């Protein structure tokens, strides 16, 4: 599958030297700074392990199935960036809907209607620990819709599919092309 990822040029230089890279979470502003984001990423790692046969347990790279528009701001980094086009075997990729991922990322249930959403969060301030655990399982189960290639269409969830991909290794041997740019 052809995928694109945007990285800092310094990381690309490291790839040229080492030939293969894994994600270093010490650079992740989201994973390290917010409990809800960390929970969402940890859930995604579990899903990757469940859905991708060959997984060594490393943090995941992020990419896109459509080439990103480089005219738009891509990152908060002040570094020179590189768009890397990769050809990664399908069986090493977890593909998901970026728009639906935002629900997991913000620790919210993916409800199919406003009514379902309201029922889920009803009386939240009085939830017991047991109810919280049950609600957490329901919420995480709802997130699995992000992997559905034909999700239900309704105005509540949204109808826009933008496919993102996760993969475990960034390999020089899978690089098809690069484009250096400034944000």
N, C-alpha and C. Protein backbone atom coordinates (compact mmCIF):
# COMPACT_ATOMS: atom_id res chain seq x y z
N UNK A 1 0.85 -1.16 0.00
CA UNK A 1 0.00 0.00 0.00
C UNK A 1 0.90 1.24 0.00
N UNK A 2 0.53 2.20 -0.78
CA UNK A 2 1.24 3.47 -0.79
C UNK A 2 0.70 4.35 0.32
N UNK A 3 1.60 4.84 1.17
CA UNK A 3 1.23 5.74 2.27
C UNK A 3 2.23 6.88 2.31
N UNK A 4 1.80 7.97 2.94
CA UNK A 4 2.66 9.13 3.11
C UNK A 4 2.75 9.46 4.59
N UNK A 5 3.91 9.88 5.02
CA UNK A 5 4.10 10.36 6.38
C UNK A 5 4.93 11.64 6.31
N UNK A 6 4.67 12.55 7.22
CA UNK A 6 5.43 13.80 7.29
C UNK A 6 6.28 13.73 8.55
N UNK A 7 7.56 13.97 8.37
CA UNK A 7 8.50 13.89 9.49
C UNK A 7 9.47 15.07 9.40
N UNK A 8 10.16 15.32 10.49
CA UNK A 8 11.22 16.32 10.48
C UNK A 8 12.38 15.80 9.65
N UNK A 9 13.05 16.71 8.95
CA UNK A 9 14.15 16.31 8.09
C UNK A 9 15.24 15.60 8.90
N UNK A 10 15.47 16.03 10.12
CA UNK A 10 16.50 15.38 10.96
C UNK A 10 16.19 13.90 11.18
N UNK A 11 14.91 13.56 11.26
CA UNK A 11 14.53 12.15 11.40
C UNK A 11 14.83 11.39 10.10
N UNK A 12 14.57 12.03 8.96
CA UNK A 12 14.89 11.40 7.68
C UNK A 12 16.40 11.13 7.58
N UNK A 13 17.21 12.08 8.05
CA UNK A 13 18.67 11.87 8.04
C UNK A 13 19.04 10.66 8.91
N UNK A 14 18.34 10.52 10.03
CA UNK A 14 18.57 9.36 10.90
C UNK A 14 18.18 8.07 10.18
N UNK A 15 17.09 8.11 9.42
CA UNK A 15 16.66 6.94 8.63
C UNK A 15 17.72 6.57 7.59
N UNK A 16 18.29 7.57 6.93
CA UNK A 16 19.34 7.30 5.94
C UNK A 16 20.53 6.58 6.58
N UNK A 17 20.84 6.96 7.80
CA UNK A 17 21.98 6.38 8.51
C UNK A 17 21.67 4.98 9.04
N UNK A 18 20.48 4.82 9.68
CA UNK A 18 20.16 3.57 10.38
C UNK A 18 19.37 2.56 9.56
N UNK A 19 18.76 2.99 8.47
CA UNK A 19 18.00 2.13 7.55
C UNK A 19 16.62 1.70 8.06
N UNK A 20 16.44 1.71 9.37
CA UNK A 20 15.14 1.34 9.95
C UNK A 20 14.99 2.09 11.28
N UNK A 21 13.78 2.60 11.53
CA UNK A 21 13.53 3.36 12.76
C UNK A 21 12.22 2.91 13.41
N UNK A 22 12.20 3.03 14.74
CA UNK A 22 10.96 2.89 15.49
C UNK A 22 10.66 4.25 16.12
N UNK A 23 9.42 4.44 16.52
CA UNK A 23 9.01 5.70 17.13
C UNK A 23 9.65 5.84 18.51
N UNK A 24 10.15 7.02 18.78
CA UNK A 24 10.68 7.36 20.10
C UNK A 24 9.62 8.21 20.80
N UNK A 25 8.91 7.63 21.76
CA UNK A 25 7.81 8.33 22.42
C UNK A 25 8.24 9.55 23.23
N UNK A 26 9.51 9.69 23.50
CA UNK A 26 9.95 10.87 24.24
C UNK A 26 9.72 12.15 23.42
N UNK A 27 9.53 12.02 22.11
CA UNK A 27 9.27 13.17 21.25
C UNK A 27 7.77 13.43 21.05
N UNK A 28 6.93 12.59 21.59
CA UNK A 28 5.48 12.71 21.36
C UNK A 28 4.85 13.70 22.33
N UNK A 29 4.40 14.83 21.80
CA UNK A 29 3.76 15.82 22.67
C UNK A 29 2.43 15.29 23.20
N UNK A 30 1.72 14.49 22.44
CA UNK A 30 0.42 13.99 22.88
C UNK A 30 0.54 12.86 23.89
N UNK A 31 1.38 11.89 23.58
CA UNK A 31 1.48 10.69 24.43
C UNK A 31 1.96 11.04 25.84
N UNK A 32 2.88 11.95 25.94
CA UNK A 32 3.50 12.23 27.23
C UNK A 32 2.79 13.29 28.07
N UNK A 33 1.96 14.10 27.44
CA UNK A 33 1.41 15.26 28.14
C UNK A 33 -0.05 15.15 28.55
N UNK A 34 -0.75 14.12 28.13
CA UNK A 34 -2.18 14.07 28.41
C UNK A 34 -2.64 12.63 28.62
N UNK A 35 -3.24 12.36 29.77
CA UNK A 35 -3.69 11.01 30.13
C UNK A 35 -4.68 10.45 29.11
N UNK A 36 -5.66 11.28 28.68
CA UNK A 36 -6.67 10.80 27.73
C UNK A 36 -6.03 10.41 26.40
N UNK A 37 -5.08 11.21 25.93
CA UNK A 37 -4.41 10.89 24.67
C UNK A 37 -3.60 9.60 24.82
N UNK A 38 -2.90 9.47 25.95
CA UNK A 38 -2.11 8.26 26.19
C UNK A 38 -3.02 7.04 26.20
N UNK A 39 -4.19 7.15 26.83
CA UNK A 39 -5.14 6.03 26.86
C UNK A 39 -5.58 5.66 25.45
N UNK A 40 -5.85 6.65 24.62
CA UNK A 40 -6.28 6.38 23.24
C UNK A 40 -5.16 5.69 22.46
N UNK A 41 -3.93 6.18 22.60
CA UNK A 41 -2.80 5.55 21.91
C UNK A 41 -2.58 4.13 22.41
N UNK A 42 -2.67 3.93 23.71
CA UNK A 42 -2.49 2.58 24.25
C UNK A 42 -3.57 1.64 23.73
N UNK A 43 -4.80 2.13 23.61
CA UNK A 43 -5.89 1.34 23.03
C UNK A 43 -5.56 1.00 21.57
N UNK A 44 -5.03 1.97 20.84
CA UNK A 44 -4.67 1.72 19.43
C UNK A 44 -3.57 0.66 19.33
N UNK A 45 -2.60 0.69 20.23
CA UNK A 45 -1.56 -0.34 20.22
C UNK A 45 -2.16 -1.72 20.42
N UNK A 46 -3.13 -1.83 21.32
CA UNK A 46 -3.81 -3.12 21.55
C UNK A 46 -4.54 -3.56 20.29
N UNK A 47 -5.18 -2.61 19.61
CA UNK A 47 -5.89 -2.94 18.37
C UNK A 47 -4.92 -3.38 17.27
N UNK A 48 -3.78 -2.72 17.21
CA UNK A 48 -2.76 -3.09 16.22
C UNK A 48 -2.31 -4.52 16.47
N UNK A 49 -2.06 -4.84 17.73
CA UNK A 49 -1.62 -6.20 18.09
C UNK A 49 -2.70 -7.22 17.72
N UNK A 50 -3.95 -6.87 17.92
CA UNK A 50 -5.08 -7.76 17.63
C UNK A 50 -5.31 -7.93 16.12
N UNK A 51 -5.05 -6.88 15.33
CA UNK A 51 -5.43 -6.88 13.92
C UNK A 51 -4.28 -7.07 12.94
N UNK A 52 -3.04 -6.86 13.39
CA UNK A 52 -1.87 -7.01 12.51
C UNK A 52 -1.06 -8.18 13.04
N UNK A 53 -0.89 -9.19 12.21
CA UNK A 53 -0.27 -10.45 12.65
C UNK A 53 1.14 -10.27 13.19
N UNK A 54 1.95 -9.49 12.49
CA UNK A 54 3.35 -9.33 12.89
C UNK A 54 3.52 -7.99 13.57
N UNK A 55 3.58 -8.02 14.90
CA UNK A 55 3.75 -6.81 15.69
C UNK A 55 4.71 -7.09 16.83
N UNK A 56 5.78 -6.33 16.88
CA UNK A 56 6.81 -6.53 17.90
C UNK A 56 6.59 -5.68 19.15
N UNK A 57 5.50 -4.90 19.18
CA UNK A 57 5.16 -4.12 20.37
C UNK A 57 5.72 -2.72 20.43
N UNK A 58 6.29 -2.22 19.34
CA UNK A 58 6.83 -0.87 19.33
C UNK A 58 5.73 0.17 19.13
N UNK A 59 5.96 1.41 19.58
CA UNK A 59 5.01 2.49 19.26
C UNK A 59 4.86 2.63 17.75
N UNK A 60 3.78 3.25 17.33
CA UNK A 60 3.41 3.24 15.91
C UNK A 60 3.66 4.58 15.21
N UNK A 61 4.05 4.45 13.95
CA UNK A 61 4.15 5.61 13.06
C UNK A 61 2.76 5.95 12.55
N UNK A 62 2.61 7.17 12.11
CA UNK A 62 1.34 7.66 11.56
C UNK A 62 1.55 8.05 10.11
N UNK A 63 0.57 7.74 9.28
CA UNK A 63 0.64 8.13 7.88
C UNK A 63 -0.76 8.26 7.30
N UNK A 64 -0.81 8.50 6.00
CA UNK A 64 -2.07 8.76 5.30
C UNK A 64 -2.12 7.96 4.00
N UNK A 65 -3.32 7.59 3.59
CA UNK A 65 -3.47 6.90 2.31
C UNK A 65 -3.56 7.89 1.15
N UNK A 66 -3.93 9.12 1.44
CA UNK A 66 -3.94 10.18 0.42
C UNK A 66 -2.77 11.11 0.69
N UNK A 67 -2.15 11.56 -0.38
CA UNK A 67 -1.01 12.46 -0.24
C UNK A 67 -1.46 13.75 0.45
N UNK A 68 -0.80 14.13 1.55
CA UNK A 68 -1.17 15.37 2.24
C UNK A 68 -0.92 16.60 1.38
N UNK A 69 -1.75 17.59 1.56
CA UNK A 69 -1.61 18.88 0.88
C UNK A 69 -0.57 19.69 1.64
N UNK A 70 0.57 19.87 1.05
CA UNK A 70 1.69 20.53 1.74
C UNK A 70 1.49 22.04 1.87
N UNK A 71 0.45 22.57 1.25
CA UNK A 71 0.18 24.01 1.40
C UNK A 71 -0.45 24.31 2.75
N UNK A 72 -0.95 23.28 3.43
CA UNK A 72 -1.57 23.46 4.75
C UNK A 72 -0.55 23.18 5.84
N UNK A 73 -0.72 23.83 6.97
CA UNK A 73 0.18 23.60 8.10
C UNK A 73 0.06 22.15 8.53
N UNK A 74 1.18 21.47 8.67
CA UNK A 74 1.19 20.04 8.97
C UNK A 74 1.62 19.73 10.40
N UNK A 75 2.38 20.62 11.02
CA UNK A 75 2.95 20.32 12.32
C UNK A 75 3.31 21.60 13.05
N UNK A 76 3.51 21.50 14.33
CA UNK A 76 3.92 22.65 15.12
C UNK A 76 5.45 22.83 15.09
N UNK A 77 6.14 21.91 14.47
CA UNK A 77 7.60 21.95 14.43
C UNK A 77 8.10 23.14 13.62
N UNK A 78 9.22 23.69 14.02
CA UNK A 78 9.87 24.76 13.25
C UNK A 78 10.94 24.21 12.33
N UNK A 79 11.16 22.91 12.35
CA UNK A 79 12.19 22.29 11.52
C UNK A 79 11.74 22.20 10.07
N UNK A 80 12.72 21.95 9.22
CA UNK A 80 12.42 21.60 7.84
C UNK A 80 11.78 20.22 7.87
N UNK A 81 10.77 20.04 7.04
CA UNK A 81 10.01 18.79 7.03
C UNK A 81 10.25 18.01 5.75
N UNK A 82 9.90 16.74 5.80
CA UNK A 82 10.00 15.90 4.62
C UNK A 82 8.73 15.05 4.51
N UNK A 83 8.16 15.06 3.32
CA UNK A 83 7.05 14.16 3.01
C UNK A 83 7.67 12.90 2.46
N UNK A 84 7.41 11.79 3.12
CA UNK A 84 7.99 10.51 2.71
C UNK A 84 6.88 9.65 2.14
N UNK A 85 7.04 9.24 0.90
CA UNK A 85 6.12 8.29 0.27
C UNK A 85 6.71 6.90 0.46
N UNK A 86 5.87 6.00 0.99
CA UNK A 86 6.32 4.64 1.31
C UNK A 86 5.45 3.62 0.60
N UNK A 87 6.01 2.48 0.35
CA UNK A 87 5.26 1.33 -0.13
C UNK A 87 5.42 0.23 0.93
N UNK A 88 4.37 0.08 1.76
CA UNK A 88 4.42 -0.86 2.88
C UNK A 88 3.45 -2.00 2.61
N UNK A 89 3.85 -3.24 2.85
CA UNK A 89 2.92 -4.36 2.66
C UNK A 89 1.63 -4.16 3.47
N UNK A 90 0.50 -4.42 2.84
CA UNK A 90 -0.81 -4.23 3.47
C UNK A 90 -0.91 -4.93 4.82
N UNK A 91 -0.31 -6.10 4.94
CA UNK A 91 -0.46 -6.88 6.17
C UNK A 91 0.31 -6.28 7.35
N UNK A 92 1.10 -5.22 7.11
CA UNK A 92 1.84 -4.56 8.18
C UNK A 92 1.25 -3.21 8.56
N UNK A 93 0.05 -2.94 8.05
CA UNK A 93 -0.61 -1.64 8.24
C UNK A 93 -1.95 -1.82 8.92
N UNK A 94 -2.26 -0.89 9.81
CA UNK A 94 -3.60 -0.78 10.37
C UNK A 94 -4.21 0.51 9.84
N UNK A 95 -5.28 0.36 9.10
CA UNK A 95 -5.94 1.49 8.44
C UNK A 95 -7.18 1.86 9.25
N UNK A 96 -7.36 3.18 9.48
CA UNK A 96 -8.51 3.63 10.26
C UNK A 96 -8.99 4.99 9.77
N UNK A 97 -10.20 5.32 10.15
CA UNK A 97 -10.82 6.58 9.77
C UNK A 97 -10.34 7.69 10.71
N UNK A 98 -9.63 8.65 10.16
CA UNK A 98 -9.07 9.74 10.96
C UNK A 98 -10.15 10.52 11.69
N UNK A 99 -11.25 10.84 11.02
CA UNK A 99 -12.30 11.64 11.65
C UNK A 99 -12.91 10.90 12.84
N UNK A 100 -13.14 9.60 12.70
CA UNK A 100 -13.68 8.82 13.81
C UNK A 100 -12.64 8.63 14.92
N UNK A 101 -11.35 8.57 14.54
CA UNK A 101 -10.28 8.46 15.54
C UNK A 101 -10.34 9.61 16.54
N UNK A 102 -10.81 10.77 16.11
CA UNK A 102 -10.89 11.93 17.01
C UNK A 102 -11.72 11.62 18.25
N UNK A 103 -12.70 10.73 18.13
CA UNK A 103 -13.50 10.36 19.31
C UNK A 103 -12.63 9.63 20.34
N UNK A 104 -11.83 8.69 19.88
CA UNK A 104 -10.92 7.98 20.80
C UNK A 104 -9.89 8.95 21.36
N UNK A 105 -9.38 9.78 20.49
CA UNK A 105 -8.34 10.74 20.86
C UNK A 105 -8.83 11.70 21.94
N UNK A 106 -10.12 12.01 21.92
CA UNK A 106 -10.70 12.92 22.92
C UNK A 106 -11.47 12.17 24.00
N UNK A 107 -11.33 10.84 24.02
CA UNK A 107 -11.89 9.99 25.07
C UNK A 107 -13.42 10.09 25.13
N UNK A 108 -14.06 10.05 23.96
CA UNK A 108 -15.51 10.17 23.88
C UNK A 108 -16.10 8.94 23.17
N UNK A 109 -17.31 8.58 23.54
CA UNK A 109 -17.98 7.47 22.87
C UNK A 109 -18.33 7.85 21.43
N UNK A 110 -18.30 6.89 20.55
CA UNK A 110 -18.82 7.10 19.19
C UNK A 110 -20.26 6.61 19.22
N UNK A 111 -21.16 7.54 19.37
CA UNK A 111 -22.58 7.22 19.42
C UNK A 111 -23.18 7.41 18.04
N UNK A 112 -24.21 6.63 17.74
CA UNK A 112 -24.84 6.74 16.42
C UNK A 112 -25.92 7.81 16.37
N UNK A 113 -26.22 8.40 17.54
CA UNK A 113 -27.22 9.46 17.58
C UNK A 113 -27.00 10.31 18.83
N UNK A 114 -27.58 11.47 18.82
CA UNK A 114 -27.50 12.33 20.00
C UNK A 114 -28.16 11.66 21.19
N UNK A 115 -29.26 10.95 20.93
CA UNK A 115 -29.96 10.24 22.00
C UNK A 115 -29.05 9.20 22.65
N UNK A 116 -28.36 8.41 21.82
CA UNK A 116 -27.44 7.39 22.34
C UNK A 116 -26.32 8.04 23.16
N UNK A 117 -25.82 9.15 22.68
CA UNK A 117 -24.78 9.90 23.39
C UNK A 117 -25.29 10.36 24.76
N UNK A 118 -26.47 10.95 24.77
CA UNK A 118 -27.06 11.45 26.02
C UNK A 118 -27.31 10.33 27.02
N UNK A 119 -27.79 9.18 26.52
CA UNK A 119 -28.03 8.03 27.40
C UNK A 119 -26.72 7.55 28.01
N UNK A 120 -25.68 7.49 27.20
CA UNK A 120 -24.37 7.03 27.69
C UNK A 120 -23.87 7.92 28.84
N UNK A 121 -23.94 9.24 28.66
CA UNK A 121 -23.39 10.16 29.65
C UNK A 121 -24.38 10.57 30.75
N UNK A 122 -25.58 10.04 30.70
CA UNK A 122 -26.61 10.38 31.70
C UNK A 122 -26.10 10.09 33.11
N UNK A 123 -26.24 11.06 33.98
CA UNK A 123 -25.94 10.91 35.40
C UNK A 123 -24.46 10.56 35.65
N UNK A 124 -23.57 11.05 34.80
CA UNK A 124 -22.15 10.70 34.87
C UNK A 124 -21.53 11.04 36.23
N UNK A 125 -21.93 12.13 36.82
CA UNK A 125 -21.33 12.54 38.09
C UNK A 125 -21.63 11.55 39.23
N UNK A 126 -22.62 10.68 39.05
CA UNK A 126 -22.98 9.70 40.08
C UNK A 126 -22.56 8.26 39.74
N UNK A 127 -21.77 8.09 38.71
CA UNK A 127 -21.34 6.74 38.34
C UNK A 127 -20.49 6.13 39.46
N UNK A 128 -20.77 4.88 39.78
CA UNK A 128 -19.93 4.14 40.71
C UNK A 128 -18.70 3.63 39.95
N UNK A 129 -17.74 3.08 40.66
CA UNK A 129 -16.56 2.54 39.99
C UNK A 129 -16.93 1.40 39.04
N UNK A 130 -17.88 0.56 39.43
CA UNK A 130 -18.33 -0.53 38.56
C UNK A 130 -18.98 0.02 37.29
N UNK A 131 -19.81 1.03 37.44
CA UNK A 131 -20.46 1.64 36.28
C UNK A 131 -19.40 2.29 35.38
N UNK A 132 -18.42 2.95 35.96
CA UNK A 132 -17.34 3.56 35.17
C UNK A 132 -16.61 2.52 34.34
N UNK A 133 -16.33 1.36 34.93
CA UNK A 133 -15.64 0.29 34.20
C UNK A 133 -16.50 -0.23 33.05
N UNK A 134 -17.80 -0.41 33.30
CA UNK A 134 -18.71 -0.86 32.24
C UNK A 134 -18.80 0.17 31.13
N UNK A 135 -18.91 1.43 31.49
CA UNK A 135 -19.00 2.51 30.50
C UNK A 135 -17.72 2.59 29.67
N UNK A 136 -16.58 2.40 30.33
CA UNK A 136 -15.30 2.43 29.63
C UNK A 136 -15.23 1.32 28.58
N UNK A 137 -15.72 0.13 28.92
CA UNK A 137 -15.73 -0.98 27.96
C UNK A 137 -16.65 -0.67 26.78
N UNK A 138 -17.81 -0.12 27.05
CA UNK A 138 -18.75 0.26 25.99
C UNK A 138 -18.13 1.31 25.08
N UNK A 139 -17.49 2.31 25.69
CA UNK A 139 -16.87 3.38 24.92
C UNK A 139 -15.76 2.83 24.02
N UNK A 140 -14.87 2.02 24.59
CA UNK A 140 -13.77 1.47 23.79
C UNK A 140 -14.29 0.55 22.69
N UNK A 141 -15.35 -0.19 22.96
CA UNK A 141 -15.96 -1.02 21.90
C UNK A 141 -16.49 -0.13 20.78
N UNK A 142 -17.06 1.03 21.13
CA UNK A 142 -17.60 1.93 20.10
C UNK A 142 -16.49 2.46 19.19
N UNK A 143 -15.29 2.58 19.71
CA UNK A 143 -14.18 3.09 18.92
C UNK A 143 -13.79 2.16 17.77
N UNK A 144 -14.15 0.89 17.87
CA UNK A 144 -13.76 -0.06 16.84
C UNK A 144 -14.37 0.26 15.47
N UNK A 145 -15.36 1.14 15.44
CA UNK A 145 -15.95 1.55 14.17
C UNK A 145 -14.92 2.26 13.28
N UNK A 146 -13.84 2.77 13.88
CA UNK A 146 -12.85 3.48 13.08
C UNK A 146 -12.17 2.57 12.06
N UNK A 147 -12.25 1.26 12.27
CA UNK A 147 -11.64 0.30 11.34
C UNK A 147 -12.62 -0.18 10.28
N UNK A 148 -13.87 0.23 10.37
CA UNK A 148 -14.91 -0.21 9.45
C UNK A 148 -14.74 0.51 8.11
N UNK A 149 -14.51 -0.25 7.07
CA UNK A 149 -14.30 0.35 5.75
C UNK A 149 -15.60 0.89 5.14
N UNK A 150 -16.74 0.49 5.69
CA UNK A 150 -18.05 0.99 5.26
C UNK A 150 -18.86 1.38 6.50
N UNK A 151 -18.44 2.45 7.19
CA UNK A 151 -19.14 2.82 8.42
C UNK A 151 -20.56 3.30 8.15
N UNK A 152 -21.42 3.23 9.17
CA UNK A 152 -22.77 3.74 8.99
C UNK A 152 -22.72 5.23 8.68
N UNK A 153 -23.58 5.66 7.80
CA UNK A 153 -23.61 7.07 7.42
C UNK A 153 -24.75 7.75 8.15
N UNK A 154 -24.40 8.73 8.93
CA UNK A 154 -25.41 9.56 9.56
C UNK A 154 -24.78 10.90 9.93
N UNK A 155 -25.61 11.88 10.17
CA UNK A 155 -25.12 13.22 10.45
C UNK A 155 -24.45 13.33 11.81
N UNK A 156 -24.75 12.41 12.72
CA UNK A 156 -24.19 12.49 14.05
C UNK A 156 -22.71 12.10 14.06
N UNK A 157 -22.37 11.00 13.42
CA UNK A 157 -20.98 10.54 13.39
C UNK A 157 -20.18 11.34 12.36
N UNK A 158 -20.83 11.66 11.27
CA UNK A 158 -20.14 12.32 10.17
C UNK A 158 -20.01 11.36 9.00
N UNK A 159 -19.87 11.91 7.84
CA UNK A 159 -19.85 11.09 6.63
C UNK A 159 -18.55 11.21 5.83
N UNK A 160 -17.54 11.79 6.44
CA UNK A 160 -16.29 12.00 5.72
C UNK A 160 -15.27 10.95 6.13
N UNK A 161 -14.81 10.18 5.18
CA UNK A 161 -13.75 9.20 5.45
C UNK A 161 -12.42 9.81 5.02
N UNK A 162 -11.49 9.85 5.94
CA UNK A 162 -10.12 10.25 5.65
C UNK A 162 -9.26 9.18 6.28
N UNK A 163 -8.66 8.34 5.46
CA UNK A 163 -7.94 7.17 5.98
C UNK A 163 -6.55 7.53 6.45
N UNK A 164 -6.28 7.15 7.68
CA UNK A 164 -4.94 7.22 8.24
C UNK A 164 -4.43 5.79 8.38
N UNK A 165 -3.14 5.65 8.52
CA UNK A 165 -2.54 4.33 8.70
C UNK A 165 -1.52 4.39 9.81
N UNK A 166 -1.37 3.25 10.46
CA UNK A 166 -0.32 3.09 11.46
C UNK A 166 0.54 1.91 11.04
N UNK A 167 1.81 2.03 11.32
CA UNK A 167 2.76 0.97 10.99
C UNK A 167 3.89 1.02 12.01
N UNK A 168 4.56 -0.10 12.18
CA UNK A 168 5.51 -0.22 13.28
C UNK A 168 6.91 0.28 12.96
N UNK A 169 7.35 0.08 11.74
CA UNK A 169 8.72 0.43 11.38
C UNK A 169 8.74 1.40 10.21
N UNK A 170 9.66 2.34 10.27
CA UNK A 170 9.95 3.21 9.14
C UNK A 170 11.23 2.66 8.53
N UNK A 171 11.10 2.11 7.30
CA UNK A 171 12.22 1.42 6.67
C UNK A 171 12.66 2.16 5.41
N UNK A 172 13.94 2.38 5.30
CA UNK A 172 14.50 3.03 4.11
C UNK A 172 14.18 2.23 2.86
N UNK A 173 14.15 0.92 2.96
CA UNK A 173 13.88 0.06 1.80
C UNK A 173 12.45 0.23 1.27
N UNK A 174 11.55 0.82 2.06
CA UNK A 174 10.16 1.03 1.62
C UNK A 174 9.91 2.44 1.11
N UNK A 175 10.92 3.30 1.16
CA UNK A 175 10.77 4.68 0.70
C UNK A 175 10.72 4.70 -0.82
N UNK A 176 9.66 5.31 -1.37
CA UNK A 176 9.52 5.46 -2.83
C UNK A 176 10.00 6.83 -3.27
N UNK A 177 9.70 7.86 -2.46
CA UNK A 177 10.12 9.22 -2.81
C UNK A 177 10.06 10.08 -1.57
N UNK A 178 10.72 11.24 -1.67
CA UNK A 178 10.64 12.23 -0.59
C UNK A 178 10.46 13.61 -1.21
N UNK A 179 9.89 14.50 -0.43
CA UNK A 179 9.78 15.91 -0.82
C UNK A 179 10.10 16.74 0.42
N UNK A 180 11.14 17.54 0.33
CA UNK A 180 11.54 18.40 1.42
C UNK A 180 10.74 19.71 1.31
N UNK A 181 10.24 20.19 2.44
CA UNK A 181 9.47 21.45 2.41
C UNK A 181 9.55 22.15 3.75
N UNK A 182 9.19 23.40 3.74
CA UNK A 182 9.05 24.18 4.98
C UNK A 182 7.58 24.33 5.23
N UNK A 183 7.20 24.29 6.49
CA UNK A 183 5.78 24.40 6.80
C UNK A 183 5.27 25.74 6.39
